[in-house]
Amino acid sequence: MSQATNQSWGGRFSEPTDAFVARFTASVTFDQRLARQDIQGSIAHATMLARVGVLTDDERDTIITGLTEIQGEIERGEFNWSVPLEDVHMNIEARLTDKIGITGKKLHTGRSRNDQVATDIRLFMRDEIDVIEVELKRLRKGMIELADREAETIMPGFTHLQTAQPVTFGHHLLAWQEMLARDHERLLDCRKRVNVMPLGAAALAGTTYPIDRHVSAELLGFDRPTENSLDAVSDRDFAIEFTSFASILLMHLSRMSEELVLWTSAQFNFIDLPDRFCTGSSIMPQKKNPDVPELVRGKTGRVYGHLMALLTLMKSQPLAYNKDNQEDKEPLFDTVDTVRDCLKAFADMVPAIEPKKASMYEAARRGFSTATDLADYLVRKGVAFRDAHEIVGQSVAYGLKTEKDLSEMSLDELKQFSATIEQDVFDVLTLEGSVAARNHIGGTAPNQVRAAAQRAREALAALKAGA
C-alpha cells in the first residue's frame, strides 16, 4: 500500500507524497505539544456523539479508554511520533485505531482537522493564560509589598534621564505596578475571546450530523460555541491578540529592565540584585552583571517579531482554512514560553531588590531636584509663575557656580534673588519636605504611596477572588 493511502486523505491520490514534501508540510515535530488538548477535545467530541446517538455508549467508552491510555504513553515518553502522519491529530487517531480497531475511525465523525486544531490551540492558550496569570499576580504582589516597605525611601525622579524632582522608591515601583495592572486587564480580556469553541465547524461549513455544540462547549469549559463556521476555522486573531498583549507586557518589563541595569551600575549605585540573578565575567573578576534584566530586555524584540509574523501570516488569507495557518504555532508557542519565563524571573527577582538608600538620597540632593518646589513657594507668596521661574533659574545658576544645592544655601544667599523668600522656604527645599508636599492621590508623599499600595493590594485580591 502506498504512503498516500496510509493517510487520512490518501484515497484521492494516485502516487505517494514526495519524501521531502512530507517533511516540509508536516507539523508533528512541534504541534505534538498540543497532544493533551487534542485528547481532551476528542474525549469531549466522543461524549457528545454518544449523547446525540451517533456513537453507542460502548463505542464512546472504548474510545475514551483508548485515548486515556494514549495520553499515558505520551506522558511516559513511549509514544512513537510519525512524520508521515503529518500532525498530532493523525498520530493520535492512528494510534487509537491500532489499539481499538475500527471504532477508532469513528471518532472523526462530524469534525475536521480544521476545527480540531482551532479547538486545540484555544484550549492550549486558555491553559497557558491561566499559568501566566499566576506569575503576573505573583510579580504584582511582590512589587506592591516592596513599594509599601520603601514608601519613605527618597530617590531622584527623572525626565530625559536628567534629575527632575525627588520621589520615593515606593512611588516609582508603583508606577511599574500600574503598567502591570493594565497588562493584567488585557490578559483577562484576551482570555474571554480565546474561550470560544470552534469544534463542530468541521472543515468550513459545519456538518450534516446531528451534533450538539453546546454540549461539547460545556464539556470543554468554553463559554459558548463560535457563531460562524467559516470564521471559526480560519481566523487566528485570538493568537494575535495574545501576542499583542505579550508585546506590551514585554515592553513594560523591558523598560523596568533598563532601569534595573542602570541602577545596578557603579554610576548610579541605587540598588543591589542578589547574586543568584547575576553572573560574572570570564576575564574581569570584579564584574557582577545583571543578566536577568538584560535578557528580558533582549527577549522583548523576539516577542515583537512573533507579533509581526502572525499579523503577516493572516493578512492575505482568503476564507476559510489555508495551510499557511500551520505557521501560527511556533511563534505562539515561543511567545508563551518567553512570557512565562520572563514573568517568573521577575517575580522571583523584584521582591529581592535591595535599595541602597544612602546612594539614592545623595543622588536626589544633586541636580537641584527641589527647584520646582522653590518656584511653587514663590507663587504661593504672590509671585507670578514666570517671574518665579526666572528667580529659580538664577538661583540654580548661582548654585552651579558655588557648587551648592538650593537646600545648602543660606537665607541671605537666597534672598539676593527675591526678597519674598523667608525662613520657611527650607520647609520645602528639603527632600523630605518636597515629597511630603505631593500629598494627593497619585502623588509621591509617603502616606499616599502606602494608600496606593493598599488599593493595589485590594484590587489584586479581588481579581484572585474572581471579582
Protein backbone atom coordinates (compact mmCIF):
# COMPACT_ATOMS: atom_id res chain seq x y z
CA MET A 1 0.00 0.00 0.00
CA SER A 2 1.40 3.43 -0.90
CA GLN A 3 2.17 6.10 1.64
CA ALA A 4 -0.64 8.23 0.20
CA THR A 5 -3.33 5.69 1.02
CA ASN A 6 -1.96 5.33 4.53
CA GLN A 7 -3.03 8.88 5.26
CA SER A 8 -6.44 10.20 6.14
CA TRP A 9 -6.79 11.86 2.76
CA GLY A 10 -4.90 9.36 0.56
CA GLY A 11 -7.79 7.81 -1.32
CA ARG A 12 -7.93 10.54 -3.95
CA PHE A 13 -4.21 10.38 -4.78
CA SER A 14 -2.50 8.12 -7.31
CA GLU A 15 1.06 8.42 -6.05
CA PRO A 16 2.70 8.88 -2.66
CA THR A 17 3.80 12.25 -1.40
CA ASP A 18 7.42 13.14 -2.11
CA ALA A 19 9.55 12.41 0.97
CA PHE A 20 10.82 15.98 1.16
CA VAL A 21 7.30 17.40 0.77
CA ALA A 22 6.11 15.09 3.53
CA ARG A 23 8.74 16.52 5.87
CA PHE A 24 8.18 20.07 4.65
CA THR A 25 4.43 20.00 5.22
CA ALA A 26 4.45 18.01 8.46
CA SER A 27 3.87 19.80 11.75
CA VAL A 28 4.12 16.93 14.21
CA THR A 29 7.61 17.92 15.32
CA PHE A 30 6.14 20.96 17.05
CA ASP A 31 2.37 20.52 17.27
CA GLN A 32 2.75 17.36 19.38
CA ARG A 33 2.83 19.91 22.17
CA LEU A 34 -0.96 20.07 21.72
CA ALA A 35 -1.40 16.35 22.48
CA ARG A 36 -3.08 16.80 25.85
CA GLN A 37 -5.54 19.34 24.48
CA ASP A 38 -6.15 17.18 21.39
CA ILE A 39 -7.09 14.20 23.54
CA GLN A 40 -9.19 16.41 25.80
CA GLY A 41 -11.13 17.67 22.78
CA SER A 42 -11.52 14.17 21.34
CA ILE A 43 -12.93 12.81 24.59
CA ALA A 44 -15.48 15.63 24.65
CA HIS A 45 -16.33 15.04 20.99
CA ALA A 46 -16.87 11.31 21.55
CA THR A 47 -19.01 12.03 24.60
CA MET A 48 -21.16 14.43 22.59
CA LEU A 49 -21.50 11.99 19.66
CA ALA A 50 -22.78 9.32 22.03
CA ARG A 51 -25.22 11.73 23.61
CA VAL A 52 -26.78 12.54 20.22
CA GLY A 53 -26.80 8.89 19.12
CA VAL A 54 -24.01 8.93 16.51
CA LEU A 55 -21.90 6.62 18.70
CA THR A 56 -23.09 3.94 21.07
CA ASP A 57 -22.18 4.18 24.74
CA ASP A 58 -19.88 1.18 24.33
CA GLU A 59 -18.10 2.84 21.40
CA ARG A 60 -17.73 6.04 23.41
CA ASP A 61 -16.28 4.17 26.38
CA THR A 62 -13.88 2.23 24.18
CA ILE A 63 -12.67 5.43 22.53
CA ILE A 64 -12.23 7.25 25.84
CA THR A 65 -10.32 4.32 27.35
CA GLY A 66 -8.04 4.18 24.32
CA LEU A 67 -7.39 7.93 24.36
CA THR A 68 -6.63 7.83 28.08
CA GLU A 69 -4.10 5.06 27.52
CA ILE A 70 -2.50 7.06 24.70
CA GLN A 71 -2.22 10.06 27.00
CA GLY A 72 -0.30 7.85 29.40
CA GLU A 73 2.02 6.68 26.63
CA ILE A 74 2.76 10.27 25.67
CA GLU A 75 3.40 11.35 29.26
CA ARG A 76 5.78 8.43 29.79
CA GLY A 77 7.64 9.19 26.56
CA GLU A 78 6.60 5.87 25.00
CA PHE A 79 4.59 7.28 22.09
CA ASN A 80 6.10 6.92 18.61
CA TRP A 81 5.53 10.14 16.69
CA SER A 82 5.42 9.65 12.91
CA VAL A 83 6.25 12.38 10.37
CA PRO A 84 4.33 10.65 7.53
CA LEU A 85 1.18 11.01 9.64
CA GLU A 86 1.77 14.77 9.44
CA ASP A 87 0.44 16.13 12.71
CA VAL A 88 -0.56 15.50 16.29
CA HIS A 89 -4.18 14.76 15.31
CA MET A 90 -3.48 11.96 12.83
CA ASN A 91 -0.75 10.46 15.02
CA ILE A 92 -3.17 10.10 17.91
CA GLU A 93 -6.04 8.91 15.72
CA ALA A 94 -3.83 6.30 14.01
CA ARG A 95 -2.62 5.03 17.36
CA LEU A 96 -6.19 4.88 18.63
CA THR A 97 -7.23 2.76 15.64
CA ASP A 98 -4.26 0.47 16.24
CA LYS A 99 -5.42 -0.01 19.83
CA ILE A 100 -9.19 -0.36 19.47
CA GLY A 101 -9.75 -1.19 15.81
CA ILE A 102 -12.43 0.22 13.52
CA THR A 103 -14.16 2.06 16.38
CA GLY A 104 -11.19 4.43 16.42
CA LYS A 105 -12.05 5.52 12.88
CA LYS A 106 -15.50 6.64 14.03
CA LEU A 107 -14.07 9.34 16.33
CA HIS A 108 -13.59 11.81 13.46
CA THR A 109 -17.28 11.75 12.56
CA GLY A 110 -18.69 15.28 12.42
CA ARG A 111 -15.40 17.14 12.66
CA SER A 112 -12.36 18.10 10.57
CA ARG A 113 -8.74 18.72 11.39
CA ASN A 114 -9.59 22.36 10.70
CA ASP A 115 -11.94 22.77 13.66
CA GLN A 116 -9.93 20.26 15.67
CA VAL A 117 -6.71 22.27 15.55
CA ALA A 118 -8.52 25.55 16.17
CA THR A 119 -10.06 23.98 19.28
CA ASP A 120 -6.73 22.55 20.43
CA ILE A 121 -4.99 25.90 20.15
CA ARG A 122 -7.72 27.66 22.12
CA LEU A 123 -7.58 25.01 24.85
CA PHE A 124 -3.79 25.34 24.92
CA MET A 125 -3.92 29.12 25.10
CA ARG A 126 -6.53 29.07 27.84
CA ASP A 127 -4.32 26.76 29.91
CA GLU A 128 -1.24 28.88 29.32
CA ILE A 129 -3.03 32.16 30.03
CA ASP A 130 -4.04 30.78 33.41
CA VAL A 131 -0.42 29.83 34.18
CA ILE A 132 0.83 33.22 33.00
CA GLU A 133 -1.75 34.99 35.13
CA VAL A 134 -0.47 33.22 38.24
CA GLU A 135 3.06 34.52 37.56
CA LEU A 136 1.76 38.01 36.78
CA LYS A 137 -0.14 38.09 40.07
CA ARG A 138 2.96 36.93 41.91
CA LEU A 139 5.06 39.68 40.35
CA ARG A 140 2.49 42.36 41.12
CA LYS A 141 2.15 41.18 44.72
CA GLY A 142 5.91 41.26 45.27
CA MET A 143 6.16 44.68 43.68
CA ILE A 144 3.34 46.10 45.83
CA GLU A 145 4.87 44.78 49.05
CA LEU A 146 8.31 46.18 48.18
CA ALA A 147 6.74 49.55 47.32
CA ASP A 148 4.94 49.62 50.67
CA ARG A 149 8.19 48.91 52.53
CA GLU A 150 10.02 51.63 50.60
CA ALA A 151 7.32 54.32 50.84
CA GLU A 152 9.76 56.75 52.51
CA THR A 153 12.93 55.88 50.59
CA ILE A 154 13.84 59.02 48.64
CA MET A 155 15.38 58.85 45.18
CA PRO A 156 15.62 61.25 42.25
CA GLY A 157 12.83 61.23 39.71
CA PHE A 158 13.94 61.78 36.13
CA THR A 159 12.77 63.24 32.87
CA HIS A 160 15.08 62.90 29.86
CA LEU A 161 17.22 60.84 32.30
CA GLN A 162 18.05 64.16 33.98
CA THR A 163 17.28 64.80 37.64
CA ALA A 164 13.82 66.36 37.79
CA GLN A 165 12.13 66.12 41.22
CA PRO A 166 12.55 63.86 44.24
CA VAL A 167 10.20 60.90 44.50
CA THR A 168 10.14 57.82 46.67
CA PHE A 169 11.33 54.42 45.57
CA GLY A 170 7.93 53.06 46.55
CA HIS A 171 6.23 55.55 44.25
CA HIS A 172 8.49 54.51 41.38
CA LEU A 173 7.74 50.83 41.96
CA LEU A 174 4.01 51.55 41.98
CA ALA A 175 4.39 53.19 38.57
CA TRP A 176 5.67 49.83 37.34
CA GLN A 177 2.77 48.14 39.10
CA GLU A 178 0.24 50.33 37.28
CA MET A 179 1.70 49.21 33.96
CA LEU A 180 1.37 45.58 35.00
CA ALA A 181 -2.20 46.13 36.23
CA ARG A 182 -3.22 47.28 32.75
CA ASP A 183 -1.38 44.32 31.23
CA HIS A 184 -3.30 42.06 33.60
CA GLU A 185 -6.59 43.52 32.37
CA ARG A 186 -5.53 42.95 28.76
CA LEU A 187 -4.67 39.32 29.52
CA LEU A 188 -8.01 38.61 31.18
CA ASP A 189 -9.86 40.36 28.39
CA CYS A 190 -7.98 38.28 25.80
CA ARG A 191 -8.96 35.11 27.66
CA LYS A 192 -12.64 35.90 27.09
CA ARG A 193 -12.18 35.83 23.32
CA VAL A 194 -9.94 32.76 23.48
CA ASN A 195 -12.58 30.82 25.42
CA VAL A 196 -14.98 30.30 22.49
CA MET A 197 -15.27 26.84 20.89
CA PRO A 198 -14.70 26.15 17.16
CA LEU A 199 -15.38 22.41 17.42
CA GLY A 200 -18.32 21.44 15.20
CA ALA A 201 -17.46 23.95 12.48
CA ALA A 202 -15.88 20.95 10.70
CA ALA A 203 -13.91 21.82 7.55
CA LEU A 204 -15.64 25.15 6.92
CA ALA A 205 -19.41 24.76 6.62
CA GLY A 206 -20.45 22.71 9.62
CA THR A 207 -21.60 19.08 9.44
CA THR A 208 -24.70 17.15 8.45
CA TYR A 209 -24.53 15.01 11.60
CA PRO A 210 -26.89 15.93 14.47
CA ILE A 211 -24.18 17.29 16.74
CA ASP A 212 -24.83 19.41 19.83
CA ARG A 213 -22.10 22.05 20.04
CA HIS A 214 -23.40 23.41 23.33
CA VAL A 215 -22.75 20.02 24.93
CA SER A 216 -19.18 19.99 23.60
CA ALA A 217 -18.62 23.57 24.78
CA GLU A 218 -19.86 22.71 28.27
CA LEU A 219 -17.70 19.58 28.47
CA LEU A 220 -14.61 21.56 27.47
CA GLY A 221 -15.33 24.56 29.68
CA PHE A 222 -15.85 27.02 26.82
CA ASP A 223 -18.21 29.93 27.33
CA ARG A 224 -20.05 29.20 24.09
CA PRO A 225 -19.62 27.79 20.57
CA THR A 226 -18.46 30.06 17.78
CA GLU A 227 -21.25 31.62 15.72
CA ASN A 228 -19.86 31.15 12.19
CA SER A 229 -18.15 28.04 10.87
CA LEU A 230 -16.07 29.87 8.25
CA ASP A 231 -14.67 32.27 10.80
CA ALA A 232 -14.19 29.56 13.40
CA VAL A 233 -11.68 27.54 11.38
CA SER A 234 -9.87 30.32 9.55
CA ASP A 235 -9.03 33.18 11.90
CA ARG A 236 -6.23 33.37 14.42
CA ASP A 237 -6.93 36.85 15.74
CA PHE A 238 -7.11 35.46 19.28
CA ALA A 239 -3.49 34.32 18.94
CA ILE A 240 -2.52 37.72 17.53
CA GLU A 241 -4.30 39.41 20.42
CA PHE A 242 -2.40 37.30 22.94
CA THR A 243 0.89 38.08 21.21
CA SER A 244 -0.06 41.78 21.23
CA PHE A 245 -0.64 41.54 24.98
CA ALA A 246 2.70 39.78 25.29
CA SER A 247 4.46 42.51 23.31
CA ILE A 248 3.06 45.27 25.50
CA LEU A 249 3.90 43.34 28.66
CA LEU A 250 7.46 42.70 27.47
CA MET A 251 7.78 46.36 26.52
CA HIS A 252 6.94 47.24 30.13
CA LEU A 253 9.30 44.60 31.51
CA SER A 254 12.00 45.89 29.17
CA ARG A 255 11.59 49.43 30.49
CA MET A 256 11.88 48.09 34.02
CA SER A 257 14.92 46.06 32.98
CA GLU A 258 16.60 49.13 31.55
CA GLU A 259 16.21 50.94 34.85
CA LEU A 260 17.43 47.95 36.84
CA VAL A 261 20.51 47.72 34.62
CA LEU A 262 21.19 51.44 35.12
CA TRP A 263 20.56 51.33 38.85
CA THR A 264 22.95 48.43 39.44
CA SER A 265 25.80 50.26 37.68
CA ALA A 266 28.55 51.94 39.68
CA GLN A 267 27.49 55.24 38.14
CA PHE A 268 24.03 55.05 39.74
CA ASN A 269 24.58 52.57 42.58
CA PHE A 270 20.89 52.71 43.54
CA ILE A 271 20.18 49.02 44.10
CA ASP A 272 21.76 45.65 44.55
CA LEU A 273 20.44 42.47 42.95
CA PRO A 274 21.12 39.18 44.73
CA ASP A 275 23.95 37.15 43.24
CA ARG A 276 21.56 34.42 42.06
CA PHE A 277 20.15 36.79 39.44
CA CYS A 278 23.55 37.88 38.11
CA THR A 279 26.66 36.42 36.55
CA GLY A 280 30.33 37.33 36.49
CA SER A 281 32.90 37.96 33.81
CA SER A 282 35.35 35.38 32.47
CA ILE A 283 38.16 37.95 32.47
CA MET A 284 37.17 40.77 34.87
CA PRO A 285 36.79 39.35 38.40
CA GLN A 286 35.15 42.49 39.80
CA LYS A 287 32.13 42.30 37.48
CA LYS A 288 28.59 41.47 38.60
CA ASN A 289 26.41 41.55 35.51
CA PRO A 290 22.60 41.96 35.74
CA ASP A 291 21.96 39.19 33.23
CA VAL A 292 18.31 38.54 34.09
CA PRO A 293 17.05 42.06 33.30
CA GLU A 294 19.37 42.25 30.30
CA LEU A 295 17.95 39.02 28.88
CA VAL A 296 14.37 40.12 29.48
CA ARG A 297 15.17 43.34 27.65
CA GLY A 298 16.58 41.31 24.76
CA LYS A 299 13.71 38.83 24.61
CA THR A 300 11.29 41.70 24.06
CA GLY A 301 12.40 42.01 20.44
CA ARG A 302 11.84 38.29 19.99
CA VAL A 303 8.18 38.64 21.02
CA TYR A 304 7.73 41.73 18.83
CA GLY A 305 8.94 39.59 15.91
CA HIS A 306 6.36 36.89 16.66
CA LEU A 307 3.60 39.51 16.65
CA MET A 308 4.67 40.75 13.23
CA ALA A 309 4.96 37.16 11.98
CA LEU A 310 1.39 36.33 13.00
CA LEU A 311 -0.01 39.56 11.59
CA THR A 312 1.77 38.92 8.30
CA LEU A 313 0.65 35.29 8.29
CA MET A 314 -3.01 36.30 8.37
CA LYS A 315 -3.04 39.45 6.28
CA SER A 316 -3.69 37.92 2.82
CA GLN A 317 -5.58 34.72 3.55
CA PRO A 318 -8.95 34.20 1.88
CA LEU A 319 -11.62 32.29 3.79
CA ALA A 320 -11.56 29.62 5.03
CA TYR A 321 -8.65 27.46 6.29
CA ASN A 322 -5.30 27.59 4.49
CA LYS A 323 -2.10 25.64 5.08
CA ASP A 324 -0.45 28.94 6.00
CA ASN A 325 -2.07 28.60 9.41
CA GLN A 326 0.27 25.77 10.27
CA GLU A 327 2.84 28.52 10.76
CA ASP A 328 0.93 30.03 13.69
CA LYS A 329 2.10 27.52 16.27
CA GLU A 330 5.84 28.02 16.61
CA PRO A 331 5.60 31.82 17.09
CA LEU A 332 2.72 31.33 19.51
CA PHE A 333 4.47 28.58 21.47
CA ASP A 334 7.67 30.60 21.76
CA THR A 335 5.74 33.69 22.84
CA VAL A 336 4.01 31.71 25.58
CA ASP A 337 7.31 30.24 26.81
CA THR A 338 9.09 33.59 26.71
CA VAL A 339 6.37 35.45 28.59
CA ARG A 340 6.06 32.77 31.24
CA ASP A 341 9.82 32.61 31.82
CA CYS A 342 10.28 36.38 31.91
CA LEU A 343 7.47 36.79 34.42
CA LYS A 344 8.84 34.00 36.59
CA ALA A 345 12.29 35.60 36.58
CA PHE A 346 10.87 39.00 37.53
CA ALA A 347 8.51 37.58 40.15
CA ASP A 348 11.48 35.89 41.81
CA MET A 349 13.83 38.86 41.45
CA VAL A 350 11.82 42.01 42.19
CA PRO A 351 10.96 41.27 45.85
CA ALA A 352 14.68 40.59 46.43
CA ILE A 353 15.81 44.03 45.20
CA GLU A 354 17.86 45.78 47.87
CA PRO A 355 17.73 49.58 47.60
CA LYS A 356 20.88 51.48 48.52
CA LYS A 357 19.07 54.22 50.35
CA ALA A 358 22.04 56.47 51.08
CA SER A 359 23.11 56.49 47.44
CA MET A 360 19.57 57.23 46.28
CA TYR A 361 19.22 60.06 48.78
CA GLU A 362 22.55 61.62 47.84
CA ALA A 363 21.66 61.43 44.14
CA ALA A 364 18.36 63.19 44.83
CA ARG A 365 20.29 66.03 46.55
CA ARG A 366 22.26 66.61 43.37
CA GLY A 367 20.81 68.27 40.32
CA PHE A 368 18.61 70.85 42.12
CA SER A 369 15.67 68.46 42.34
CA THR A 370 13.72 70.84 44.62
CA ALA A 371 13.87 73.76 42.16
CA THR A 372 10.18 73.34 41.28
CA ASP A 373 9.36 73.43 44.99
CA LEU A 374 11.08 76.82 45.27
CA ALA A 375 9.08 78.11 42.30
CA ASP A 376 5.83 76.85 43.85
CA TYR A 377 6.81 78.50 47.13
CA LEU A 378 7.27 81.86 45.41
CA VAL A 379 3.94 81.54 43.59
CA ARG A 380 2.19 80.89 46.90
CA LYS A 381 3.84 84.10 48.15
CA GLY A 382 2.23 86.05 45.31
CA VAL A 383 4.99 85.97 42.68
CA ALA A 384 3.80 85.32 39.12
CA PHE A 385 4.87 81.89 37.91
CA ARG A 386 7.01 83.17 35.03
CA ASP A 387 8.82 85.52 37.39
CA ALA A 388 9.23 82.71 39.90
CA HIS A 389 10.68 80.54 37.13
CA GLU A 390 13.24 83.26 36.35
CA ILE A 391 14.18 83.67 40.02
CA VAL A 392 14.73 79.95 40.48
CA GLY A 393 16.79 79.81 37.29
CA GLN A 394 19.08 82.50 38.71
CA SER A 395 19.30 80.57 41.98
CA VAL A 396 20.30 77.39 40.15
CA ALA A 397 22.96 79.26 38.14
CA TYR A 398 24.36 80.54 41.44
CA GLY A 399 24.28 77.02 42.86
CA LEU A 400 26.20 75.66 39.89
CA LYS A 401 28.82 78.36 40.36
CA THR A 402 29.19 77.81 44.09
CA GLU A 403 28.58 74.03 43.97
CA LYS A 404 25.71 74.33 46.44
CA ASP A 405 22.29 72.74 46.30
CA LEU A 406 19.36 75.05 46.95
CA SER A 407 18.85 73.50 50.39
CA GLU A 408 22.51 74.21 51.24
CA MET A 409 22.27 77.95 50.55
CA SER A 410 21.80 80.37 53.42
CA LEU A 411 18.71 82.55 53.67
CA ASP A 412 20.78 85.60 52.73
CA GLU A 413 22.06 83.85 49.62
CA LEU A 414 18.51 83.02 48.54
CA LYS A 415 17.14 86.47 49.34
CA GLN A 416 19.53 88.07 46.87
CA PHE A 417 17.27 86.61 44.17
CA SER A 418 13.94 87.54 45.80
CA ALA A 419 13.12 89.47 48.95
CA THR A 420 9.95 87.38 49.16
CA ILE A 421 11.93 84.37 50.37
CA GLU A 422 11.74 83.80 54.14
CA GLN A 423 12.99 81.21 56.64
CA ASP A 424 10.04 78.91 55.92
CA VAL A 425 11.48 78.24 52.47
CA PHE A 426 13.60 75.49 53.98
CA ASP A 427 10.46 73.52 54.77
CA VAL A 428 10.04 72.92 51.03
CA LEU A 429 13.68 72.80 49.95
CA THR A 430 14.44 69.62 51.86
CA LEU A 431 13.91 66.35 50.05
CA GLU A 432 11.56 65.14 52.76
CA GLY A 433 9.52 68.33 52.52
CA SER A 434 9.37 68.08 48.75
CA VAL A 435 7.98 64.55 48.62
CA ALA A 436 5.63 65.14 51.55
CA ALA A 437 4.14 68.15 49.76
CA ARG A 438 2.82 65.93 46.93
CA ASN A 439 0.08 64.79 49.24
CA HIS A 440 -2.76 63.87 46.90
CA ILE A 441 -3.94 60.71 45.18
CA GLY A 442 -1.28 59.66 42.71
CA GLY A 443 1.36 61.77 44.46
CA THR A 444 4.69 60.66 45.86
CA ALA A 445 4.05 61.57 49.52
CA PRO A 446 4.81 58.51 51.68
CA ASN A 447 1.30 58.29 53.10
CA GLN A 448 -0.11 58.44 49.56
CA VAL A 449 2.28 55.69 48.47
CA ARG A 450 1.11 53.46 51.32
CA ALA A 451 -2.53 54.19 50.49
CA ALA A 452 -1.91 53.43 46.80
CA ALA A 453 -0.18 50.18 47.74
CA GLN A 454 -3.17 49.17 49.82
CA ARG A 455 -5.59 49.94 46.99
CA ALA A 456 -3.45 47.91 44.61
CA ARG A 457 -3.30 45.06 47.11
CA GLU A 458 -7.08 45.04 47.45
CA ALA A 459 -7.61 45.19 43.68
CA LEU A 460 -5.26 42.24 43.19
CA ALA A 461 -7.02 40.26 45.92
CA ALA A 462 -10.38 40.96 44.25
CA LEU A 463 -9.00 39.57 40.99
CA LYS A 464 -7.82 36.49 42.84
CA ALA A 465 -11.29 36.01 44.27
CA GLY A 466 -12.74 36.14 40.76
CA ALA A 467 -14.28 39.61 41.14
